[in-house]
Amino acid sequence: MDEAAGRTRTERLAAEIAEAIVTGALAPGHRLDEQALADQYGVSRTPVREALRQLGTSGLVEVRPRRGAVVAQVTPAQLAELFVAMAEIEATCARLAAQSMSPLERRRLDALHEVMADLAATGDAGAYARANTTFHGAVYAGAHNAVLADFALSLRRRLQPYREAQFRQDGRLARSHAEHGAVVAAILAGRAEEAHAAMLRHVTLVESAVEGMLVRGA
C-alpha cells in the first residue's frame, strides 16, 4: 500500500474512533487497547497507533508513555471555551479575507462552495467534511495573516472530531452549506463586517449542533 493510501486509512480510522468518543460509545477513562481496536476495525496495530497519536493532538485521547492511551475527559465548559475562541478567530479571518483576498482566491472559494452544494445534496458527510476543512482553510489563508492562520489551525485540530461528527445529524449538511453561503457572499462582495458576523454565527451554530449531539448521546 502506498503512503497516500496508508495515510487515508489512518485518517479514516481516527475519524471512526473519534466519532465513537464524541457520541459516548467510548466513555472518558476507557482504555484504548491497540490490539482490540485493530481486531474491531480489521486493521493492523500500526494504523491504530498512528490514529491514536492523531487523536492525542486533538485532546480526545490521552497517550501515556508505557501505559497506553485512554479516552480523555473533556468537560462541557472546556468545549464551550474552545468554541468561543474558534468562533472569534474564524470570524476575524473572515473579516480580513473580505478585505484581503485576491480575485483568484475569491473565485476559488466560490467554486468550492458550489462543489459543496452537490455534496450536501447527496448527503456525503465524509466528502463534505473534507471539503469543509478545505473551505475554512481557504478563509484562514485568505486573511493573509500567518499568525491568525496558525491559531485557527491549532484550534481546528482540537475541535475537528466534533465538527466532523455533527455532519451525521439529519439536515446538518444543508444548514452548514447555507451558513457558508452567507460567509461567501460577504467575502466576495468585500463586506468585512458582514463576513465577520456571518462566520461568527456559523461557528456558533456548529457549537449548538455539537451540543445537541452530545445531549442525545448522553
C-alpha atoms as a PDB file:
ATOM      1  CA  MET A   1       0.000   0.000   0.000  1.00  0.00           C
ATOM      2  CA  ASP A   2       1.443   3.412  -0.928  1.00  0.00           C
ATOM      3  CA  GLU A   3       1.963   6.218   1.581  1.00  0.00           C
ATOM      4  CA  ALA A   4      -1.102   8.205   0.489  1.00  0.00           C
ATOM      5  CA  ALA A   5      -3.396   5.199   0.812  1.00  0.00           C
ATOM      6  CA  GLY A   6      -1.977   4.378   4.236  1.00  0.00           C
ATOM      7  CA  ARG A   7      -2.494   7.957   5.377  1.00  0.00           C
ATOM      8  CA  THR A   8      -6.095   7.886   4.188  1.00  0.00           C
ATOM      9  CA  ARG A   9      -6.734   4.641   6.061  1.00  0.00           C
ATOM     10  CA  THR A  10      -5.263   6.108   9.244  1.00  0.00           C
ATOM     11  CA  GLU A  11      -7.334   9.279   8.922  1.00  0.00           C
ATOM     12  CA  ARG A  12     -10.489   7.248   8.331  1.00  0.00           C
ATOM     13  CA  LEU A  13      -9.739   5.091  11.372  1.00  0.00           C
ATOM     14  CA  ALA A  14      -9.051   8.177  13.508  1.00  0.00           C
ATOM     15  CA  ALA A  15     -12.389   9.659  12.423  1.00  0.00           C
ATOM     16  CA  GLU A  16     -14.268   6.456  13.342  1.00  0.00           C
ATOM     17  CA  ILE A  17     -12.638   6.237  16.775  1.00  0.00           C
ATOM     18  CA  ALA A  18     -13.245   9.958  17.309  1.00  0.00           C
ATOM     19  CA  GLU A  19     -16.938   9.587  16.486  1.00  0.00           C
ATOM     20  CA  ALA A  20     -17.224   6.737  18.987  1.00  0.00           C
ATOM     21  CA  ILE A  21     -15.695   9.007  21.638  1.00  0.00           C
ATOM     22  CA  VAL A  22     -17.739  12.081  20.752  1.00  0.00           C
ATOM     23  CA  THR A  23     -21.034  10.170  20.721  1.00  0.00           C
ATOM     24  CA  GLY A  24     -20.266   8.449  24.023  1.00  0.00           C
ATOM     25  CA  ALA A  25     -19.763   4.905  22.729  1.00  0.00           C
ATOM     26  CA  LEU A  26     -16.275   5.117  24.259  1.00  0.00           C
ATOM     27  CA  ALA A  27     -16.537   6.771  27.667  1.00  0.00           C
ATOM     28  CA  PRO A  28     -13.971   9.053  29.361  1.00  0.00           C
ATOM     29  CA  GLY A  29     -11.297   6.990  31.079  1.00  0.00           C
ATOM     30  CA  HIS A  30     -11.840   3.984  28.800  1.00  0.00           C
ATOM     31  CA  ARG A  31      -8.529   2.306  27.975  1.00  0.00           C
ATOM     32  CA  LEU A  32      -7.937   2.138  24.236  1.00  0.00           C
ATOM     33  CA  ASP A  33      -6.281  -1.207  23.628  1.00  0.00           C
ATOM     34  CA  GLU A  34      -4.434  -1.187  20.307  1.00  0.00           C
ATOM     35  CA  GLN A  35      -4.946  -4.874  19.557  1.00  0.00           C
ATOM     36  CA  ALA A  36      -8.634  -4.785  20.452  1.00  0.00           C
ATOM     37  CA  LEU A  37      -9.158  -1.769  18.180  1.00  0.00           C
ATOM     38  CA  ALA A  38      -7.147  -3.427  15.411  1.00  0.00           C
ATOM     39  CA  ASP A  39      -9.370  -6.503  15.635  1.00  0.00           C
ATOM     40  CA  GLN A  40     -12.540  -4.406  15.759  1.00  0.00           C
ATOM     41  CA  TYR A  41     -11.679  -2.389  12.652  1.00  0.00           C
ATOM     42  CA  GLY A  42      -9.899  -5.159  10.764  1.00  0.00           C
ATOM     43  CA  VAL A  43      -6.507  -3.454  10.533  1.00  0.00           C
ATOM     44  CA  SER A  44      -3.032  -3.939  11.931  1.00  0.00           C
ATOM     45  CA  ARG A  45      -1.827  -2.197  15.093  1.00  0.00           C
ATOM     46  CA  THR A  46       0.282   0.308  13.131  1.00  0.00           C
ATOM     47  CA  PRO A  47      -2.597   2.462  11.785  1.00  0.00           C
ATOM     48  CA  VAL A  48      -4.331   2.176  15.171  1.00  0.00           C
ATOM     49  CA  ARG A  49      -1.238   3.527  16.911  1.00  0.00           C
ATOM     50  CA  GLU A  50      -0.998   6.396  14.418  1.00  0.00           C
ATOM     51  CA  ALA A  51      -4.720   7.159  14.705  1.00  0.00           C
ATOM     52  CA  LEU A  52      -4.446   7.349  18.498  1.00  0.00           C
ATOM     53  CA  ARG A  53      -1.443   9.649  18.159  1.00  0.00           C
ATOM     54  CA  GLN A  54      -3.510  11.951  15.918  1.00  0.00           C
ATOM     55  CA  LEU A  55      -6.388  11.937  18.386  1.00  0.00           C
ATOM     56  CA  GLY A  56      -3.934  12.798  21.142  1.00  0.00           C
ATOM     57  CA  THR A  57      -3.176  16.106  19.426  1.00  0.00           C
ATOM     58  CA  SER A  58      -6.899  16.943  19.417  1.00  0.00           C
ATOM     59  CA  GLY A  59      -7.251  16.306  23.148  1.00  0.00           C
ATOM     60  CA  LEU A  60      -9.767  13.474  22.717  1.00  0.00           C
ATOM     61  CA  VAL A  61      -7.216  10.879  23.773  1.00  0.00           C
ATOM     62  CA  GLU A  62      -4.510  10.921  26.431  1.00  0.00           C
ATOM     63  CA  VAL A  63      -1.451   8.971  25.317  1.00  0.00           C
ATOM     64  CA  ARG A  64       0.583   7.941  28.356  1.00  0.00           C
ATOM     65  CA  PRO A  65       4.162   6.695  27.926  1.00  0.00           C
ATOM     66  CA  ARG A  66       4.390   2.979  28.655  1.00  0.00           C
ATOM     67  CA  ARG A  67       0.748   2.991  29.847  1.00  0.00           C
ATOM     68  CA  GLY A  68      -1.139   3.239  26.570  1.00  0.00           C
ATOM     69  CA  ALA A  69      -3.989   5.534  25.587  1.00  0.00           C
ATOM     70  CA  VAL A  70      -7.257   6.371  27.334  1.00  0.00           C
ATOM     71  CA  VAL A  71     -10.271   8.456  26.355  1.00  0.00           C
ATOM     72  CA  ALA A  72      -9.769  11.948  27.756  1.00  0.00           C
ATOM     73  CA  GLN A  73     -12.293  13.788  29.899  1.00  0.00           C
ATOM     74  CA  VAL A  74     -13.444  16.922  28.062  1.00  0.00           C
ATOM     75  CA  THR A  75     -15.906  18.922  30.148  1.00  0.00           C
ATOM     76  CA  PRO A  76     -18.747  20.967  28.619  1.00  0.00           C
ATOM     77  CA  ALA A  77     -17.080  24.117  29.956  1.00  0.00           C
ATOM     78  CA  GLN A  78     -13.790  23.287  28.235  1.00  0.00           C
ATOM     79  CA  LEU A  79     -15.585  22.555  24.987  1.00  0.00           C
ATOM     80  CA  ALA A  80     -17.521  25.826  25.219  1.00  0.00           C
ATOM     81  CA  GLU A  81     -14.296  27.780  25.731  1.00  0.00           C
ATOM     82  CA  LEU A  82     -12.747  26.163  22.672  1.00  0.00           C
ATOM     83  CA  PHE A  83     -15.758  27.021  20.530  1.00  0.00           C
ATOM     84  CA  VAL A  84     -15.833  30.639  21.731  1.00  0.00           C
ATOM     85  CA  ALA A  85     -12.172  31.015  20.799  1.00  0.00           C
ATOM     86  CA  MET A  86     -12.736  29.255  17.475  1.00  0.00           C
ATOM     87  CA  ALA A  87     -15.678  31.486  16.594  1.00  0.00           C
ATOM     88  CA  GLU A  88     -13.771  34.680  17.330  1.00  0.00           C
ATOM     89  CA  ILE A  89     -10.649  33.619  15.423  1.00  0.00           C
ATOM     90  CA  GLU A  90     -12.569  32.357  12.381  1.00  0.00           C
ATOM     91  CA  ALA A  91     -14.759  35.465  12.319  1.00  0.00           C
ATOM     92  CA  THR A  92     -11.658  37.646  12.328  1.00  0.00           C
ATOM     93  CA  CYS A  93     -10.171  35.588   9.497  1.00  0.00           C
ATOM     94  CA  ALA A  94     -13.391  36.011   7.501  1.00  0.00           C
ATOM     95  CA  ARG A  95     -13.363  39.787   8.052  1.00  0.00           C
ATOM     96  CA  LEU A  96      -9.756  40.060   6.892  1.00  0.00           C
ATOM     97  CA  ALA A  97     -10.411  37.718   3.960  1.00  0.00           C
ATOM     98  CA  ALA A  98     -13.173  40.041   2.755  1.00  0.00           C
ATOM     99  CA  GLN A  99     -10.598  42.825   2.721  1.00  0.00           C
ATOM    100  CA  SER A 100      -7.524  40.948   1.517  1.00  0.00           C
ATOM    101  CA  MET A 101      -8.438  38.010  -0.733  1.00  0.00           C
ATOM    102  CA  SER A 102      -7.201  38.256  -4.291  1.00  0.00           C
ATOM    103  CA  PRO A 103      -9.696  37.894  -7.157  1.00  0.00           C
ATOM    104  CA  LEU A 104      -8.361  34.378  -7.801  1.00  0.00           C
ATOM    105  CA  GLU A 105      -8.801  33.380  -4.143  1.00  0.00           C
ATOM    106  CA  ARG A 106     -12.366  34.672  -4.205  1.00  0.00           C
ATOM    107  CA  ARG A 107     -13.186  32.689  -7.359  1.00  0.00           C
ATOM    108  CA  ARG A 108     -11.728  29.531  -5.862  1.00  0.00           C
ATOM    109  CA  LEU A 109     -13.710  29.971  -2.644  1.00  0.00           C
ATOM    110  CA  ASP A 110     -16.903  30.468  -4.642  1.00  0.00           C
ATOM    111  CA  ALA A 111     -16.166  27.400  -6.794  1.00  0.00           C
ATOM    112  CA  LEU A 112     -15.530  25.247  -3.728  1.00  0.00           C
ATOM    113  CA  HIS A 113     -18.806  26.429  -2.218  1.00  0.00           C
ATOM    114  CA  GLU A 114     -20.613  25.321  -5.384  1.00  0.00           C
ATOM    115  CA  VAL A 115     -18.981  21.883  -5.245  1.00  0.00           C
ATOM    116  CA  MET A 116     -20.060  21.532  -1.622  1.00  0.00           C
ATOM    117  CA  ALA A 117     -23.665  22.140  -2.655  1.00  0.00           C
ATOM    118  CA  ASP A 118     -23.630  18.818  -4.535  1.00  0.00           C
ATOM    119  CA  LEU A 119     -22.025  17.020  -1.580  1.00  0.00           C
ATOM    120  CA  ALA A 120     -24.672  18.394   0.777  1.00  0.00           C
ATOM    121  CA  ALA A 121     -27.456  17.411  -1.624  1.00  0.00           C
ATOM    122  CA  THR A 122     -26.207  13.821  -1.903  1.00  0.00           C
ATOM    123  CA  GLY A 123     -25.656  13.521   1.849  1.00  0.00           C
ATOM    124  CA  ASP A 124     -21.989  12.540   1.525  1.00  0.00           C
ATOM    125  CA  ALA A 125     -20.931  13.508   5.050  1.00  0.00           C
ATOM    126  CA  GLY A 126     -17.361  12.238   4.695  1.00  0.00           C
ATOM    127  CA  ALA A 127     -16.639  14.113   1.477  1.00  0.00           C
ATOM    128  CA  TYR A 128     -18.418  17.199   2.795  1.00  0.00           C
ATOM    129  CA  ALA A 129     -16.305  17.139   5.963  1.00  0.00           C
ATOM    130  CA  ARG A 130     -13.100  17.008   3.918  1.00  0.00           C
ATOM    131  CA  ALA A 131     -14.284  19.837   1.673  1.00  0.00           C
ATOM    132  CA  ASN A 132     -15.340  21.769   4.770  1.00  0.00           C
ATOM    133  CA  THR A 133     -11.802  21.622   6.124  1.00  0.00           C
ATOM    134  CA  THR A 134     -10.542  22.968   2.801  1.00  0.00           C
ATOM    135  CA  PHE A 135     -13.202  25.693   2.810  1.00  0.00           C
ATOM    136  CA  HIS A 136     -12.289  27.012   6.239  1.00  0.00           C
ATOM    137  CA  GLY A 137      -8.595  26.677   5.423  1.00  0.00           C
ATOM    138  CA  ALA A 138      -9.134  28.885   2.381  1.00  0.00           C
ATOM    139  CA  VAL A 139     -10.676  31.558   4.597  1.00  0.00           C
ATOM    140  CA  TYR A 140      -7.714  31.364   7.000  1.00  0.00           C
ATOM    141  CA  ALA A 141      -5.275  31.694   4.107  1.00  0.00           C
ATOM    142  CA  GLY A 142      -7.331  34.479   2.571  1.00  0.00           C
ATOM    143  CA  ALA A 143      -6.873  36.590   5.692  1.00  0.00           C
ATOM    144  CA  HIS A 144      -3.195  36.878   4.724  1.00  0.00           C
ATOM    145  CA  ASN A 145      -2.110  36.813   8.361  1.00  0.00           C
ATOM    146  CA  ALA A 146       0.108  33.847   9.194  1.00  0.00           C
ATOM    147  CA  VAL A 147      -0.231  34.278  12.965  1.00  0.00           C
ATOM    148  CA  LEU A 148      -4.039  34.185  12.868  1.00  0.00           C
ATOM    149  CA  ALA A 149      -3.997  31.259  10.437  1.00  0.00           C
ATOM    150  CA  ASP A 150      -1.733  29.311  12.780  1.00  0.00           C
ATOM    151  CA  PHE A 151      -4.058  29.965  15.741  1.00  0.00           C
ATOM    152  CA  ALA A 152      -7.079  28.963  13.679  1.00  0.00           C
ATOM    153  CA  LEU A 153      -5.495  25.715  12.514  1.00  0.00           C
ATOM    154  CA  SER A 154      -4.403  24.815  16.042  1.00  0.00           C
ATOM    155  CA  LEU A 155      -7.910  25.337  17.413  1.00  0.00           C
ATOM    156  CA  ARG A 156      -9.440  23.494  14.492  1.00  0.00           C
ATOM    157  CA  ARG A 157      -7.290  20.410  15.135  1.00  0.00           C
ATOM    158  CA  ARG A 158      -8.658  20.245  18.680  1.00  0.00           C
ATOM    159  CA  LEU A 159     -12.282  20.644  17.575  1.00  0.00           C
ATOM    160  CA  GLN A 160     -12.108  18.705  14.302  1.00  0.00           C
ATOM    161  CA  PRO A 161     -13.618  15.451  15.659  1.00  0.00           C
ATOM    162  CA  TYR A 162     -16.647  17.343  16.985  1.00  0.00           C
ATOM    163  CA  ARG A 163     -17.040  19.413  13.822  1.00  0.00           C
ATOM    164  CA  GLU A 164     -16.978  16.271  11.681  1.00  0.00           C
ATOM    165  CA  ALA A 165     -19.314  14.239  13.891  1.00  0.00           C
ATOM    166  CA  GLN A 166     -22.064  16.893  13.735  1.00  0.00           C
ATOM    167  CA  PHE A 167     -22.395  16.312   9.989  1.00  0.00           C
ATOM    168  CA  ARG A 168     -24.042  12.940  10.760  1.00  0.00           C
ATOM    169  CA  GLN A 169     -27.144  14.759  12.026  1.00  0.00           C
ATOM    170  CA  ASP A 170     -30.170  14.918   9.751  1.00  0.00           C
ATOM    171  CA  GLY A 171     -30.254  18.114   7.751  1.00  0.00           C
ATOM    172  CA  ARG A 172     -26.958  19.448   9.089  1.00  0.00           C
ATOM    173  CA  LEU A 173     -25.143  19.370   5.721  1.00  0.00           C
ATOM    174  CA  ALA A 174     -27.746  21.586   4.074  1.00  0.00           C
ATOM    175  CA  ARG A 175     -27.764  24.003   7.001  1.00  0.00           C
ATOM    176  CA  SER A 176     -23.979  24.169   7.054  1.00  0.00           C
ATOM    177  CA  HIS A 177     -23.880  24.917   3.347  1.00  0.00           C
ATOM    178  CA  ALA A 178     -26.447  27.695   3.736  1.00  0.00           C
ATOM    179  CA  GLU A 179     -24.405  29.201   6.569  1.00  0.00           C
ATOM    180  CA  HIS A 180     -21.326  29.075   4.342  1.00  0.00           C
ATOM    181  CA  GLY A 181     -23.312  30.853   1.664  1.00  0.00           C
ATOM    182  CA  ALA A 182     -23.700  33.930   3.849  1.00  0.00           C
ATOM    183  CA  VAL A 183     -19.954  33.936   4.562  1.00  0.00           C
ATOM    184  CA  VAL A 184     -19.042  33.538   0.891  1.00  0.00           C
ATOM    185  CA  ALA A 185     -21.430  36.256  -0.272  1.00  0.00           C
ATOM    186  CA  ALA A 186     -19.968  38.736   2.189  1.00  0.00           C
ATOM    187  CA  ILE A 187     -16.360  37.874   1.334  1.00  0.00           C
ATOM    188  CA  LEU A 188     -16.952  38.062  -2.424  1.00  0.00           C
ATOM    189  CA  ALA A 189     -18.597  41.473  -2.022  1.00  0.00           C
ATOM    190  CA  GLY A 190     -15.815  42.744   0.239  1.00  0.00           C
ATOM    191  CA  ARG A 191     -18.238  43.381   3.109  1.00  0.00           C
ATOM    192  CA  ALA A 192     -15.844  42.805   6.011  1.00  0.00           C
ATOM    193  CA  GLU A 193     -18.151  43.294   8.998  1.00  0.00           C
ATOM    194  CA  GLU A 194     -20.862  41.193   7.386  1.00  0.00           C
ATOM    195  CA  ALA A 195     -18.342  38.403   6.775  1.00  0.00           C
ATOM    196  CA  HIS A 196     -17.292  38.598  10.422  1.00  0.00           C
ATOM    197  CA  ALA A 197     -20.887  38.336  11.627  1.00  0.00           C
ATOM    198  CA  ALA A 198     -21.750  35.501   9.236  1.00  0.00           C
ATOM    199  CA  MET A 199     -18.758  33.390  10.289  1.00  0.00           C
ATOM    200  CA  LEU A 200     -19.384  34.083  13.969  1.00  0.00           C
ATOM    201  CA  ARG A 201     -22.965  32.900  13.527  1.00  0.00           C
ATOM    202  CA  HIS A 202     -21.843  29.819  11.593  1.00  0.00           C
ATOM    203  CA  VAL A 203     -19.390  28.590  14.227  1.00  0.00           C
ATOM    204  CA  THR A 204     -21.917  29.328  16.975  1.00  0.00           C
ATOM    205  CA  LEU A 205     -24.445  27.150  15.147  1.00  0.00           C
ATOM    206  CA  VAL A 206     -21.810  24.425  14.797  1.00  0.00           C
ATOM    207  CA  GLU A 207     -21.383  24.545  18.569  1.00  0.00           C
ATOM    208  CA  SER A 208     -25.154  24.266  19.019  1.00  0.00           C
ATOM    209  CA  ALA A 209     -25.233  21.232  16.715  1.00  0.00           C
ATOM    210  CA  VAL A 210     -22.427  19.599  18.699  1.00  0.00           C
ATOM    211  CA  GLU A 211     -24.203  20.306  21.979  1.00  0.00           C
ATOM    212  CA  GLY A 212     -27.385  18.725  20.649  1.00  0.00           C
ATOM    213  CA  MET A 213     -25.458  15.674  19.513  1.00  0.00           C
ATOM    214  CA  LEU A 214     -23.787  15.259  22.920  1.00  0.00           C
ATOM    215  CA  VAL A 215     -27.095  15.596  24.769  1.00  0.00           C
ATOM    216  CA  ARG A 216     -28.661  12.865  22.618  1.00  0.00           C
ATOM    217  CA  GLY A 217     -25.622  10.654  23.111  1.00  0.00           C
ATOM    218  CA  ALA A 218     -25.602  11.078  26.898  1.00  0.00           C
END
